[in-house]
Protein backbone atom coordinates (compact mmCIF):
# COMPACT_ATOMS: atom_id res chain seq x y z
CA MET A 1 91.23 -19.05 230.19
CA ALA A 2 91.67 -22.70 231.08
CA SER A 3 90.62 -25.13 228.40
CA PHE A 4 87.36 -26.86 229.08
CA CYS A 5 88.45 -29.74 226.84
CA SER A 6 91.45 -30.50 229.01
CA ASN A 7 89.13 -30.96 231.97
CA MET A 8 86.32 -33.00 230.49
CA ILE A 9 84.53 -33.66 233.73
CA GLY A 10 81.15 -32.56 232.52
CA PHE A 11 80.68 -30.38 235.59
CA SER A 12 77.38 -29.01 234.40
CA LEU A 13 75.98 -32.52 234.25
CA LEU A 14 76.81 -33.14 237.89
CA VAL A 15 74.39 -30.50 239.06
CA LEU A 16 71.46 -31.73 237.02
CA VAL A 17 68.52 -33.36 238.70
CA LEU A 18 67.00 -36.29 236.84
CA MET A 19 63.56 -35.44 235.52
CA GLY A 20 61.13 -37.31 233.33
CA ASN A 21 60.75 -36.24 229.72
CA THR A 22 57.57 -37.98 228.76
CA ASN A 23 55.84 -34.65 228.20
CA ALA A 24 56.62 -32.69 225.05
CA THR A 25 58.13 -29.68 226.79
CA LEU A 26 61.62 -28.26 226.83
CA SER A 27 63.80 -29.11 229.81
CA LYS A 28 67.39 -28.49 230.79
CA ASP A 29 67.63 -32.18 231.67
CA TYR A 30 66.18 -33.51 228.42
CA TYR A 31 69.32 -35.47 227.43
CA TYR A 32 70.39 -36.41 230.97
CA ASN A 33 70.17 -40.14 230.24
CA SER A 34 70.18 -40.28 226.43
CA CYS A 35 73.28 -38.10 225.85
CA PRO A 36 75.14 -37.40 229.11
CA LYS A 37 78.27 -36.16 227.29
CA LEU A 38 76.37 -33.61 225.17
CA TYR A 39 77.53 -30.44 226.92
CA GLU A 40 81.22 -31.29 227.11
CA THR A 41 81.21 -32.50 223.50
CA VAL A 42 79.64 -29.29 222.19
CA LYS A 43 81.77 -26.99 224.30
CA CYS A 44 85.04 -28.58 223.21
CA THR A 45 84.25 -27.93 219.55
CA VAL A 46 83.02 -24.39 220.18
CA GLU A 47 86.12 -23.63 222.24
CA SER A 48 88.36 -24.88 219.46
CA ALA A 49 86.51 -22.86 216.80
CA ILE A 50 86.71 -19.63 218.81
CA ALA A 51 90.39 -20.23 219.57
CA LYS A 52 91.01 -20.35 215.81
CA GLU A 53 88.84 -17.29 215.08
CA THR A 54 87.38 -15.19 217.89
CA ARG A 55 84.69 -13.77 215.60
CA MET A 56 83.18 -17.25 215.30
CA GLY A 57 81.57 -16.89 218.73
CA ALA A 58 79.44 -14.01 217.49
CA SER A 59 78.64 -15.87 214.28
CA LEU A 60 77.38 -18.92 216.19
CA LEU A 61 75.27 -16.75 218.51
CA ARG A 62 73.77 -15.01 215.47
CA LEU A 63 72.82 -18.33 213.88
CA PHE A 64 70.60 -19.08 216.88
CA PHE A 65 68.99 -15.62 216.71
CA HIS A 66 68.23 -15.94 213.02
CA ASP A 67 66.96 -19.49 213.43
CA CYS A 68 64.50 -18.60 216.17
CA PHE A 69 63.11 -15.55 214.38
CA VAL A 70 61.97 -17.62 211.37
CA ASN A 71 59.22 -20.10 212.27
CA GLY A 72 60.73 -20.70 215.69
CA CYS A 73 63.87 -22.42 216.98
CA ASP A 74 63.79 -25.43 214.68
CA GLY A 75 67.21 -25.59 213.03
CA SER A 76 65.74 -24.49 209.71
CA ILE A 77 68.52 -21.96 209.05
CA LEU A 78 70.93 -24.86 208.64
CA LEU A 79 69.09 -26.49 205.73
CA ASP A 80 70.64 -26.29 202.28
CA ASP A 81 68.41 -25.60 199.27
CA THR A 82 66.66 -28.58 197.69
CA SER A 83 64.52 -29.12 194.61
CA SER A 84 61.41 -28.58 196.74
CA PHE A 85 62.37 -25.42 198.66
CA THR A 86 64.81 -22.52 198.76
CA GLY A 87 66.20 -22.22 202.25
CA GLU A 88 67.11 -19.33 204.51
CA LYS A 89 70.83 -19.20 203.75
CA THR A 90 70.37 -17.04 200.66
CA ALA A 91 67.79 -14.71 202.23
CA ILE A 92 68.88 -11.06 202.40
CA PRO A 93 69.68 -11.10 206.15
CA ASN A 94 71.85 -14.22 205.74
CA LYS A 95 73.46 -14.11 202.28
CA ASN A 96 77.20 -13.42 202.51
CA SER A 97 76.58 -12.89 206.20
CA ALA A 98 75.41 -15.93 208.16
CA ARG A 99 78.40 -18.15 208.88
CA GLY A 100 79.59 -20.93 211.15
CA PHE A 101 77.74 -23.72 209.36
CA GLU A 102 80.93 -25.80 209.14
CA VAL A 103 81.38 -25.52 212.90
CA ILE A 104 77.82 -26.75 213.45
CA ASP A 105 78.62 -29.66 211.12
CA GLN A 106 81.66 -30.49 213.28
CA ILE A 107 79.62 -30.31 216.47
CA LYS A 108 76.89 -32.51 215.03
CA SER A 109 79.45 -35.12 213.93
CA ALA A 110 81.05 -35.11 217.36
CA VAL A 111 77.68 -35.44 219.10
CA GLU A 112 76.66 -38.27 216.75
CA GLU A 113 79.79 -40.13 217.83
CA VAL A 114 78.74 -40.15 221.49
CA CYS A 115 74.96 -40.48 221.06
CA PRO A 116 73.83 -41.19 217.49
CA GLY A 117 70.38 -40.10 216.39
CA VAL A 118 69.48 -38.45 219.67
CA VAL A 119 70.27 -34.70 219.68
CA SER A 120 68.59 -32.29 217.27
CA CYS A 121 70.41 -29.65 215.27
CA ALA A 122 68.03 -27.08 216.77
CA ASP A 123 69.24 -27.98 220.27
CA ILE A 124 72.86 -27.92 219.14
CA LEU A 125 72.34 -24.31 218.01
CA ALA A 126 70.91 -23.42 221.42
CA VAL A 127 73.79 -24.95 223.38
CA THR A 128 76.36 -23.51 220.98
CA ALA A 129 74.97 -20.00 221.44
CA ARG A 130 75.22 -20.29 225.23
CA ASP A 131 78.76 -21.65 225.08
CA SER A 132 79.89 -18.91 222.68
CA VAL A 133 78.67 -16.19 225.04
CA GLU A 134 80.27 -17.81 228.07
CA ILE A 135 83.63 -18.45 226.37
CA LEU A 136 83.85 -14.78 225.35
CA GLY A 137 83.30 -13.60 228.92
CA GLY A 138 79.52 -13.41 229.12
CA PRO A 139 77.03 -15.14 231.41
CA SER A 140 76.08 -18.79 231.36
CA TRP A 141 72.66 -20.33 231.83
CA ASP A 142 70.80 -23.64 231.82
CA VAL A 143 69.68 -24.24 228.25
CA LYS A 144 66.24 -25.78 227.85
CA LEU A 145 66.34 -28.64 225.36
CA GLY A 146 64.04 -31.07 223.58
CA ARG A 147 63.51 -29.27 220.28
CA ARG A 148 63.21 -31.25 217.10
CA ASP A 149 64.31 -30.26 213.61
CA ALA A 150 62.19 -28.80 210.83
CA ARG A 151 62.03 -30.74 207.57
CA THR A 152 61.58 -27.64 205.43
CA THR A 153 62.13 -23.89 205.50
CA SER A 154 61.40 -20.67 203.63
CA LYS A 155 63.62 -17.99 202.15
CA SER A 156 60.67 -15.60 201.95
CA ALA A 157 59.92 -16.09 205.66
CA ALA A 158 63.53 -15.22 206.51
CA ASN A 159 63.35 -12.08 204.38
CA LYS A 160 60.16 -11.05 206.15
CA ASP A 161 60.79 -12.06 209.75
CA ILE A 162 64.40 -11.14 210.56
CA PRO A 163 64.61 -7.44 211.52
CA ALA A 164 66.60 -5.34 209.06
CA PRO A 165 69.52 -3.14 210.19
CA THR A 166 67.50 -0.17 208.91
CA SER A 167 64.59 -0.90 211.27
CA SER A 168 63.04 1.86 213.36
CA LEU A 169 62.51 1.40 217.09
CA ASN A 170 58.78 0.90 216.57
CA GLN A 171 59.43 -1.75 213.91
CA LEU A 172 61.81 -3.59 216.22
CA ILE A 173 59.42 -3.46 219.16
CA SER A 174 56.56 -4.69 216.98
CA ARG A 175 58.54 -7.63 215.61
CA TYR A 176 59.82 -8.69 219.02
CA ASN A 177 56.36 -8.31 220.58
CA ALA A 178 54.93 -10.58 217.87
CA LEU A 179 57.27 -13.29 219.13
CA GLY A 180 56.35 -12.78 222.76
CA LEU A 181 59.43 -10.69 223.53
CA SER A 182 59.25 -7.38 225.39
CA THR A 183 61.06 -4.12 224.77
CA LYS A 184 63.46 -5.06 227.57
CA ASP A 185 64.10 -8.38 225.81
CA LEU A 186 64.76 -6.48 222.59
CA VAL A 187 67.37 -4.25 224.20
CA ALA A 188 69.00 -7.09 226.12
CA LEU A 189 69.22 -9.34 223.05
CA SER A 190 70.58 -6.46 220.98
CA GLY A 191 73.44 -6.51 223.46
CA GLY A 192 74.64 -9.57 221.57
CA HIS A 193 76.15 -6.95 219.27
CA THR A 194 78.83 -6.46 221.90
CA ILE A 195 80.71 -9.07 219.87
CA GLY A 196 81.09 -9.63 216.15
CA GLN A 197 81.29 -7.51 213.04
CA ALA A 198 78.95 -6.05 210.43
CA ARG A 199 79.31 -5.51 206.70
CA CYS A 200 79.58 -2.04 205.19
CA THR A 201 76.38 -2.56 203.20
CA ASN A 202 74.47 -2.83 206.49
CA PHE A 203 75.78 0.36 208.11
CA ARG A 204 76.60 2.59 205.11
CA ASP A 205 73.39 4.61 205.26
CA HIS A 206 73.76 5.15 209.01
CA ILE A 207 77.31 6.50 208.86
CA TYR A 208 76.68 8.79 205.87
CA ASN A 209 73.07 9.93 206.23
CA ASP A 210 71.87 9.62 209.83
CA THR A 211 72.28 12.51 212.27
CA ASP A 212 72.11 10.47 215.49
CA ILE A 213 75.78 9.47 215.24
CA ASP A 214 79.00 10.86 216.66
CA THR A 215 80.73 12.66 213.78
CA SER A 216 84.21 11.44 214.62
CA PHE A 217 82.96 7.86 214.88
CA ALA A 218 81.15 8.23 211.55
CA ARG A 219 84.36 9.44 209.86
CA THR A 220 86.29 6.51 211.31
CA ARG A 221 83.81 4.03 209.90
CA GLN A 222 83.60 5.88 206.56
CA SER A 223 87.31 5.29 206.04
CA GLY A 224 86.59 1.60 205.57
CA CYS A 225 83.16 1.83 203.99
CA PRO A 226 82.92 3.78 200.70
CA LYS A 227 79.78 5.84 200.18
CA THR A 228 79.02 4.31 196.79
CA SER A 229 76.85 1.20 196.95
CA GLY A 230 78.60 -1.79 195.45
CA SER A 231 82.03 -0.59 196.54
CA GLY A 232 83.38 -2.29 199.64
CA ASP A 233 80.01 -3.78 200.52
CA ASN A 234 81.59 -6.69 202.39
CA ASN A 235 84.16 -4.63 204.29
CA LEU A 236 83.83 -5.37 207.99
CA ALA A 237 83.73 -3.19 211.09
CA PRO A 238 83.28 -4.23 214.74
CA LEU A 239 79.80 -3.78 216.17
CA ASP A 240 81.41 -2.77 219.47
CA LEU A 241 84.18 -0.23 218.95
CA ALA A 242 85.68 -0.66 222.42
CA THR A 243 85.88 -4.42 223.14
CA PRO A 244 84.78 -6.26 219.98
CA THR A 245 85.86 -9.72 221.16
CA SER A 246 84.60 -9.55 224.75
CA PHE A 247 81.00 -10.11 225.80
CA ASP A 248 80.40 -7.12 228.06
CA ASN A 249 78.25 -3.99 228.34
CA HIS A 250 80.39 -1.67 226.19
CA TYR A 251 77.84 -1.93 223.39
CA PHE A 252 75.44 0.09 225.52
CA LYS A 253 78.12 2.61 226.48
CA ASN A 254 78.67 3.09 222.75
CA LEU A 255 74.97 3.78 222.20
CA VAL A 256 74.94 6.41 224.96
CA ASP A 257 77.87 8.04 223.16
CA SER A 258 76.05 7.87 219.78
CA LYS A 259 78.52 5.30 218.49
CA GLY A 260 76.16 2.52 217.49
CA LEU A 261 77.29 0.98 214.20
CA LEU A 262 73.88 0.04 212.81
CA HIS A 263 70.85 2.28 212.49
CA SER A 264 68.91 -0.42 214.35
CA ASP A 265 71.47 -0.21 217.18
CA GLN A 266 71.36 3.55 217.69
CA VAL A 267 67.55 3.77 217.60
CA LEU A 268 67.63 2.00 220.96
CA PHE A 269 69.08 5.20 222.45
CA ASN A 270 67.65 8.13 220.57
CA GLY A 271 65.07 9.77 222.79
CA GLY A 272 62.66 6.83 222.67
CA SER A 273 61.10 4.31 225.02
CA ALA A 274 64.23 2.13 225.21
CA ASP A 275 66.58 4.88 226.41
CA SER A 276 66.23 4.11 230.11
CA ILE A 277 67.00 0.41 229.57
CA VAL A 278 70.10 1.20 227.52
CA HIS A 279 71.31 3.62 230.17
CA GLU A 280 70.76 1.04 232.91
CA TYR A 281 72.79 -1.58 231.05
CA SER A 282 75.56 0.94 230.27
CA VAL A 283 76.23 1.47 233.97
CA ASN A 284 75.18 -1.92 235.35
CA PRO A 285 76.70 -4.91 233.51
CA SER A 286 75.18 -7.40 235.94
CA SER A 287 71.71 -6.10 235.09
CA PHE A 288 72.46 -6.59 231.39
CA PHE A 289 73.79 -10.10 231.93
CA SER A 290 70.75 -11.10 233.99
CA ASP A 291 68.26 -9.73 231.48
CA PHE A 292 70.19 -11.18 228.55
CA VAL A 293 69.94 -14.65 230.06
CA THR A 294 66.20 -14.22 230.66
CA ALA A 295 65.68 -13.02 227.09
CA MET A 296 67.78 -15.82 225.57
CA ILE A 297 65.72 -18.42 227.40
CA LYS A 298 62.49 -16.75 226.24
CA MET A 299 63.75 -16.58 222.67
CA GLY A 300 64.68 -20.25 222.83
CA ASP A 301 61.06 -21.02 223.69
CA ILE A 302 59.73 -19.59 220.41
CA SER A 303 57.62 -22.21 218.62
CA PRO A 304 59.78 -25.29 219.12
CA LEU A 305 58.91 -28.56 217.40
CA THR A 306 58.47 -31.20 220.11
CA GLY A 307 57.01 -34.64 220.61
CA SER A 308 56.38 -36.31 217.25
CA ASN A 309 56.69 -33.08 215.27
CA GLY A 310 59.75 -32.62 213.09
CA GLU A 311 62.66 -35.04 213.26
CA ILE A 312 66.19 -35.54 214.55
CA ARG A 313 68.35 -34.84 211.52
CA LYS A 314 71.38 -37.02 210.88
CA ASN A 315 72.96 -34.20 208.87
CA CYS A 316 72.07 -30.63 209.88
CA ARG A 317 72.14 -29.50 206.24
CA ARG A 318 69.36 -31.75 205.02
CA ALA A 319 66.22 -33.49 206.18
CA ASN A 320 66.43 -37.23 206.66
């Protein structure tokens, strides 16, 4: 793969059409005038981070997911704890799990160099997620921008709003529907698990107690994940057994073969309403890519702070 950074021509900017941004809505052209080097600056840092550690692409994508599911896409997941609130980083879905914060810090610093005080941390998360997917072989899309950053956050909201790996299909559908996302969006976005890894503590029950799992696959995963809670909790296994560092449709092929790592993965193909979508994606990668892009854009529209709401943080870890 040719390095984007060695060809800093900002190609994506050349195809943009100048649009006004006086209205408080998200737009792919939001920073056309105020930060024309945004995309190339972000992508260079993401490319470098993934070159050092391929897993980082999945981690950066996950940060955007977890941000949007808690009070909308407002950069709140990036906030460190303060004397006035306990943030999302230590919530159950994120503790010892959410990562990539240092990379976001690097991106923010780089962006501040080229256009200080202009680009929000929330928008940096959105662009970073897109770039991570594309760099690892997945689709690209025009990211809608113009979000502003939250000044506060809530650990309890993160514990409540981010779906657990033990979720049933009905629980997943209900949570996604509450955010304006359909069952098809749920399945497509779950395809983000085609990259990255999960901790033993999050799949232990599935590989030892569930029956909707290939027995050979379960034994393979058991070899690195002891049955006793507290032993090997942080041991990692790839979410996609076949191509764990490539963004493709093998995740869905795994589900059809009963080789989903998480309970919340395999429930998508277990005789329920999502089966037909999973099957379609398992045989038609272009259909998955198209629907994933649509769902990512929809997810990025969840309750953004715009206009005079929120702020543009100088440091993504703390409010101004």
